[in-house]
Amino acid sequence: MHKILTSTKRIEFEKLVRRTKNIDEKDRLRAVLAYDLVHDVYDVAEIL
């Protein structure tokens, strides 16, 4: 698998995770970050 986020977008997503108060939105952002780190779909599903 390859990375889906550029380093700039990854930093932006990490900042959004810290700023966002909505738990569902945080989980979705964390799932995208995990997928970008080449975690398998089972790990991503557990995050969600």
PDB file of N, CA and C in Angstrom:
ATOM      1  N   MET A   1       0.840  -1.187   0.000  1.00  0.00           N
ATOM      2  CA  MET A   1       0.000   0.000   0.000  1.00  0.00           C
ATOM      3  C   MET A   1       0.885   1.250   0.000  1.00  0.00           C
ATOM      4  N   HIS A   2       0.305   2.314  -0.427  1.00  0.00           N
ATOM      5  CA  HIS A   2       1.053   3.561  -0.457  1.00  0.00           C
ATOM      6  C   HIS A   2       0.358   4.603   0.405  1.00  0.00           C
ATOM      7  N   LYS A   3       1.075   5.630   0.735  1.00  0.00           N
ATOM      8  CA  LYS A   3       0.517   6.710   1.553  1.00  0.00           C
ATOM      9  C   LYS A   3      -0.508   7.491   0.736  1.00  0.00           C
ATOM     10  N   ILE A   4      -1.587   7.892   1.397  1.00  0.00           N
ATOM     11  CA  ILE A   4      -2.638   8.641   0.713  1.00  0.00           C
ATOM     12  C   ILE A   4      -2.595  10.126   1.049  1.00  0.00           C
ATOM     13  N   LEU A   5      -1.864  10.480   2.115  1.00  0.00           N
ATOM     14  CA  LEU A   5      -1.798  11.874   2.531  1.00  0.00           C
ATOM     15  C   LEU A   5      -0.393  12.430   2.326  1.00  0.00           C
ATOM     16  N   THR A   6      -0.333  13.675   1.885  1.00  0.00           N
ATOM     17  CA  THR A   6       0.958  14.353   1.841  1.00  0.00           C
ATOM     18  C   THR A   6       1.332  14.722   3.271  1.00  0.00           C
ATOM     19  N   SER A   7       2.564  15.063   3.505  1.00  0.00           N
ATOM     20  CA  SER A   7       2.979  15.425   4.865  1.00  0.00           C
ATOM     21  C   SER A   7       2.223  16.648   5.375  1.00  0.00           C
ATOM     22  N   THR A   8       1.919  17.577   4.495  1.00  0.00           N
ATOM     23  CA  THR A   8       1.164  18.773   4.880  1.00  0.00           C
ATOM     24  C   THR A   8      -0.257  18.405   5.304  1.00  0.00           C
ATOM     25  N   LYS A   9      -0.913  17.554   4.532  1.00  0.00           N
ATOM     26  CA  LYS A   9      -2.276  17.129   4.863  1.00  0.00           C
ATOM     27  C   LYS A   9      -2.294  16.315   6.155  1.00  0.00           C
ATOM     28  N   ARG A  10      -1.255  15.490   6.345  1.00  0.00           N
ATOM     29  CA  ARG A  10      -1.182  14.681   7.553  1.00  0.00           C
ATOM     30  C   ARG A  10      -1.102  15.584   8.786  1.00  0.00           C
ATOM     31  N   ILE A  11      -0.279  16.611   8.730  1.00  0.00           N
ATOM     32  CA  ILE A  11      -0.156  17.559   9.841  1.00  0.00           C
ATOM     33  C   ILE A  11      -1.493  18.259  10.079  1.00  0.00           C
ATOM     34  N   GLU A  12      -2.165  18.638   8.996  1.00  0.00           N
ATOM     35  CA  GLU A  12      -3.471  19.290   9.103  1.00  0.00           C
ATOM     36  C   GLU A  12      -4.491  18.367   9.780  1.00  0.00           C
ATOM     37  N   PHE A  13      -4.515  17.091   9.392  1.00  0.00           N
ATOM     38  CA  PHE A  13      -5.435  16.126   9.995  1.00  0.00           C
ATOM     39  C   PHE A  13      -5.123  15.937  11.481  1.00  0.00           C
ATOM     40  N   GLU A  14      -3.832  15.874  11.837  1.00  0.00           N
ATOM     41  CA  GLU A  14      -3.449  15.710  13.237  1.00  0.00           C
ATOM     42  C   GLU A  14      -3.900  16.898  14.073  1.00  0.00           C
ATOM     43  N   LYS A  15      -3.796  18.094  13.522  1.00  0.00           N
ATOM     44  CA  LYS A  15      -4.272  19.289  14.226  1.00  0.00           C
ATOM     45  C   LYS A  15      -5.788  19.244  14.393  1.00  0.00           C
ATOM     46  N   LEU A  16      -6.487  18.794  13.350  1.00  0.00           N
ATOM     47  CA  LEU A  16      -7.941  18.689  13.423  1.00  0.00           C
ATOM     48  C   LEU A  16      -8.382  17.690  14.492  1.00  0.00           C
ATOM     49  N   VAL A  17      -7.643  16.609  14.635  1.00  0.00           N
ATOM     50  CA  VAL A  17      -7.977  15.617  15.670  1.00  0.00           C
ATOM     51  C   VAL A  17      -7.907  16.258  17.047  1.00  0.00           C
ATOM     52  N   ARG A  18      -6.903  17.091  17.265  1.00  0.00           N
ATOM     53  CA  ARG A  18      -6.766  17.741  18.575  1.00  0.00           C
ATOM     54  C   ARG A  18      -7.822  18.821  18.799  1.00  0.00           C
ATOM     55  N   ARG A  19      -8.232  19.511  17.741  1.00  0.00           N
ATOM     56  CA  ARG A  19      -9.169  20.628  17.871  1.00  0.00           C
ATOM     57  C   ARG A  19     -10.634  20.221  17.877  1.00  0.00           C
ATOM     58  N   THR A  20     -10.963  19.156  17.185  1.00  0.00           N
ATOM     59  CA  THR A  20     -12.350  18.767  16.990  1.00  0.00           C
ATOM     60  C   THR A  20     -12.949  18.236  18.280  1.00  0.00           C
ATOM     61  N   LYS A  21     -14.143  18.711  18.598  1.00  0.00           N
ATOM     62  CA  LYS A  21     -14.844  18.269  19.802  1.00  0.00           C
ATOM     63  C   LYS A  21     -15.800  17.117  19.504  1.00  0.00           C
ATOM     64  N   ASN A  22     -16.200  16.975  18.249  1.00  0.00           N
ATOM     65  CA  ASN A  22     -17.120  15.908  17.853  1.00  0.00           C
ATOM     66  C   ASN A  22     -16.367  14.575  17.813  1.00  0.00           C
ATOM     67  N   ILE A  23     -16.784  13.649  18.671  1.00  0.00           N
ATOM     68  CA  ILE A  23     -16.094  12.363  18.797  1.00  0.00           C
ATOM     69  C   ILE A  23     -16.152  11.560  17.496  1.00  0.00           C
ATOM     70  N   ASP A  24     -17.297  11.550  16.817  1.00  0.00           N
ATOM     71  CA  ASP A  24     -17.420  10.798  15.563  1.00  0.00           C
ATOM     72  C   ASP A  24     -16.460  11.324  14.506  1.00  0.00           C
ATOM     73  N   GLU A  25     -16.357  12.634  14.431  1.00  0.00           N
ATOM     74  CA  GLU A  25     -15.441  13.237  13.453  1.00  0.00           C
ATOM     75  C   GLU A  25     -13.991  12.903  13.802  1.00  0.00           C
ATOM     76  N   LYS A  26     -13.663  12.930  15.095  1.00  0.00           N
ATOM     77  CA  LYS A  26     -12.312  12.570  15.523  1.00  0.00           C
ATOM     78  C   LYS A  26     -11.988  11.138  15.123  1.00  0.00           C
ATOM     79  N   ASP A  27     -12.947  10.239  15.314  1.00  0.00           N
ATOM     80  CA  ASP A  27     -12.727   8.839  14.962  1.00  0.00           C
ATOM     81  C   ASP A  27     -12.479   8.677  13.472  1.00  0.00           C
ATOM     82  N   ARG A  28     -13.231   9.400  12.657  1.00  0.00           N
ATOM     83  CA  ARG A  28     -13.026   9.318  11.205  1.00  0.00           C
ATOM     84  C   ARG A  28     -11.648   9.843  10.817  1.00  0.00           C
ATOM     85  N   LEU A  29     -11.233  10.939  11.432  1.00  0.00           N
ATOM     86  CA  LEU A  29      -9.908  11.489  11.151  1.00  0.00           C
ATOM     87  C   LEU A  29      -8.814  10.511  11.583  1.00  0.00           C
ATOM     88  N   ARG A  30      -8.989   9.899  12.746  1.00  0.00           N
ATOM     89  CA  ARG A  30      -8.009   8.917  13.226  1.00  0.00           C
ATOM     90  C   ARG A  30      -7.952   7.706  12.306  1.00  0.00           C
ATOM     91  N   ALA A  31      -9.088   7.314  11.772  1.00  0.00           N
ATOM     92  CA  ALA A  31      -9.125   6.170  10.855  1.00  0.00           C
ATOM     93  C   ALA A  31      -8.340   6.480   9.585  1.00  0.00           C
ATOM     94  N   VAL A  32      -8.499   7.683   9.059  1.00  0.00           N
ATOM     95  CA  VAL A  32      -7.747   8.075   7.855  1.00  0.00           C
ATOM     96  C   VAL A  32      -6.254   8.102   8.161  1.00  0.00           C
ATOM     97  N   LEU A  33      -5.887   8.632   9.319  1.00  0.00           N
ATOM     98  CA  LEU A  33      -4.476   8.668   9.694  1.00  0.00           C
ATOM     99  C   LEU A  33      -3.916   7.256   9.866  1.00  0.00           C
ATOM    100  N   ALA A  34      -4.687   6.372  10.456  1.00  0.00           N
ATOM    101  CA  ALA A  34      -4.237   4.988  10.634  1.00  0.00           C
ATOM    102  C   ALA A  34      -4.075   4.297   9.285  1.00  0.00           C
ATOM    103  N   TYR A  35      -5.020   4.518   8.398  1.00  0.00           N
ATOM    104  CA  TYR A  35      -4.933   3.922   7.062  1.00  0.00           C
ATOM    105  C   TYR A  35      -3.697   4.437   6.336  1.00  0.00           C
ATOM    106  N   ASP A  36      -3.411   5.710   6.531  1.00  0.00           N
ATOM    107  CA  ASP A  36      -2.233   6.300   5.901  1.00  0.00           C
ATOM    108  C   ASP A  36      -0.945   5.694   6.447  1.00  0.00           C
ATOM    109  N   LEU A  37      -0.980   5.238   7.689  1.00  0.00           N
ATOM    110  CA  LEU A  37       0.190   4.592   8.292  1.00  0.00           C
ATOM    111  C   LEU A  37       0.265   3.112   7.937  1.00  0.00           C
ATOM    112  N   VAL A  38      -0.555   2.680   6.991  1.00  0.00           N
ATOM    113  CA  VAL A  38      -0.575   1.334   6.440  1.00  0.00           C
ATOM    114  C   VAL A  38      -1.039   0.298   7.473  1.00  0.00           C
ATOM    115  N   HIS A  39      -1.946   0.713   8.349  1.00  0.00           N
ATOM    116  CA  HIS A  39      -2.613  -0.258   9.211  1.00  0.00           C
ATOM    117  C   HIS A  39      -3.611  -1.011   8.351  1.00  0.00           C
ATOM    118  N   ASP A  40      -3.882  -2.248   8.711  1.00  0.00           N
ATOM    119  CA  ASP A  40      -4.822  -3.010   7.893  1.00  0.00           C
ATOM    120  C   ASP A  40      -6.267  -2.591   8.202  1.00  0.00           C
ATOM    121  N   VAL A  41      -7.186  -3.053   7.390  1.00  0.00           N
ATOM    122  CA  VAL A  41      -8.580  -2.622   7.505  1.00  0.00           C
ATOM    123  C   VAL A  41      -9.198  -3.038   8.826  1.00  0.00           C
ATOM    124  N   TYR A  42      -8.703  -4.092   9.446  1.00  0.00           N
ATOM    125  CA  TYR A  42      -9.236  -4.530  10.736  1.00  0.00           C
ATOM    126  C   TYR A  42      -8.896  -3.524  11.829  1.00  0.00           C
ATOM    127  N   ASP A  43      -7.693  -2.964  11.792  1.00  0.00           N
ATOM    128  CA  ASP A  43      -7.314  -1.932  12.742  1.00  0.00           C
ATOM    129  C   ASP A  43      -8.151  -0.683  12.554  1.00  0.00           C
ATOM    130  N   VAL A  44      -8.350  -0.309  11.305  1.00  0.00           N
ATOM    131  CA  VAL A  44      -9.149   0.874  10.994  1.00  0.00           C
ATOM    132  C   VAL A  44     -10.601   0.652  11.434  1.00  0.00           C
ATOM    133  N   ALA A  45     -11.129  -0.531  11.220  1.00  0.00           N
ATOM    134  CA  ALA A  45     -12.503  -0.840  11.642  1.00  0.00           C
ATOM    135  C   ALA A  45     -12.637  -0.763  13.157  1.00  0.00           C
ATOM    136  N   GLU A  46     -11.607  -1.173  13.875  1.00  0.00           N
ATOM    137  CA  GLU A  46     -11.658  -1.109  15.327  1.00  0.00           C
ATOM    138  C   GLU A  46     -11.671   0.333  15.816  1.00  0.00           C
ATOM    139  N   ILE A  47     -10.981   1.219  15.123  1.00  0.00           N
ATOM    140  CA  ILE A  47     -10.982   2.640  15.462  1.00  0.00           C
ATOM    141  C   ILE A  47     -12.377   3.220  15.303  1.00  0.00           C
ATOM    142  N   LEU A  48     -13.038   2.818  14.216  1.00  0.00           N
ATOM    143  CA  LEU A  48     -14.379   3.328  13.941  1.00  0.00           C
ATOM    144  C   LEU A  48     -15.394   2.661  14.838  1.00  0.00           C
TER     145      LEU A  48
END
